[in-house]
Amino acid sequence: MKKSLIYGVSTAVIFYITTVYILEPFGMFITYGGDSYTLSYHMFSYMGLVLLSGIIVFCTSIIIQKINYLIEKLDNKN
């Protein structure tokens, strides 16, 4: 469980850093004439994506742990 939590939090942090430091300047370049104030409206959707990425990784790693546990139990049963 701790490993899954670490994976989820680290994914959210990496996604946040990528969004803020790489995608924001890229967005400023694409929207010629855009400014930081206009792009600040998108920070709520960015935060939603950060939360979603963390939750997806957290739940996926828990499911993988459960599947590995079931496979191990089935192998020991036979």
Protein backbone atom coordinates (compact mmCIF):
# COMPACT_ATOMS: atom_id res chain seq x y z
CA MET A 1 0.00 0.00 0.00
CA LYS A 2 2.83 2.40 0.84
CA LYS A 3 4.52 1.63 -2.46
CA SER A 4 1.30 2.41 -4.34
CA LEU A 5 0.93 5.69 -2.49
CA ILE A 6 4.50 6.66 -3.31
CA TYR A 7 3.92 5.84 -6.99
CA GLY A 8 0.73 7.89 -7.06
CA VAL A 9 2.22 10.93 -5.35
CA SER A 10 5.40 10.85 -7.43
CA THR A 11 3.37 10.61 -10.63
CA ALA A 12 1.27 13.61 -9.59
CA VAL A 13 4.40 15.63 -8.76
CA ILE A 14 6.09 14.73 -12.05
CA PHE A 15 2.93 15.56 -13.98
CA TYR A 16 2.65 18.91 -12.17
CA ILE A 17 6.26 19.84 -12.90
CA THR A 18 5.84 18.83 -16.54
CA THR A 19 2.66 20.86 -16.86
CA VAL A 20 3.96 24.01 -15.21
CA TYR A 21 7.49 24.18 -16.55
CA ILE A 22 7.15 22.60 -19.99
CA LEU A 23 3.56 22.90 -21.18
CA GLU A 24 2.90 26.45 -19.97
CA PRO A 25 5.72 28.04 -22.03
CA PHE A 26 4.68 25.82 -24.93
CA GLY A 27 1.11 27.07 -24.52
CA MET A 28 2.35 30.66 -24.49
CA PHE A 29 4.17 29.97 -27.75
CA ILE A 30 1.11 28.40 -29.41
CA THR A 31 -1.34 31.09 -28.31
CA TYR A 32 0.54 33.97 -29.84
CA GLY A 33 -0.30 37.07 -27.84
CA GLY A 34 -1.55 35.08 -24.85
CA ASP A 35 -0.45 36.00 -21.39
CA SER A 36 -0.10 34.32 -18.01
CA TYR A 37 -3.46 35.69 -16.86
CA THR A 38 -5.29 33.99 -19.72
CA LEU A 39 -3.48 30.70 -19.17
CA SER A 40 -4.21 30.87 -15.43
CA TYR A 41 -7.80 29.87 -16.19
CA HIS A 42 -6.47 26.49 -17.27
CA MET A 43 -4.68 25.80 -13.99
CA PHE A 44 -7.87 24.25 -12.55
CA SER A 45 -7.99 21.73 -15.39
CA TYR A 46 -4.24 21.13 -14.98
CA MET A 47 -4.75 20.39 -11.29
CA GLY A 48 -7.59 18.03 -12.17
CA LEU A 49 -5.31 16.19 -14.56
CA VAL A 50 -2.60 16.00 -11.89
CA LEU A 51 -5.07 14.53 -9.41
CA LEU A 52 -6.42 12.12 -11.99
CA SER A 53 -2.96 10.89 -12.97
CA GLY A 54 -2.07 10.24 -9.33
CA ILE A 55 -5.33 8.36 -8.71
CA ILE A 56 -4.93 6.23 -11.85
CA VAL A 57 -1.39 5.18 -10.94
CA PHE A 58 -2.35 4.53 -7.30
CA CYS A 59 -5.33 2.34 -8.19
CA THR A 60 -3.45 0.51 -10.94
CA SER A 61 -0.60 -0.41 -8.64
CA ILE A 62 -3.04 -1.67 -5.99
CA ILE A 63 -4.82 -3.81 -8.59
CA ILE A 64 -1.49 -5.21 -9.81
CA GLN A 65 -0.50 -6.09 -6.23
CA LYS A 66 -3.81 -7.90 -5.71
CA ILE A 67 -3.47 -9.82 -8.99
CA ASN A 68 0.08 -10.87 -8.09
CA TYR A 69 -1.16 -12.00 -4.66
CA LEU A 70 -3.92 -14.09 -6.25
CA ILE A 71 -1.49 -15.65 -8.74
CA GLU A 72 0.85 -16.52 -5.88
CA LYS A 73 -2.00 -18.10 -3.89
CA LEU A 74 -3.09 -20.15 -6.91
CA ASP A 75 0.46 -21.35 -7.55
CA ASN A 76 0.86 -22.42 -3.91
CA LYS A 77 -2.50 -24.22 -4.01
CA ASN A 78 -1.48 -26.49 -6.90
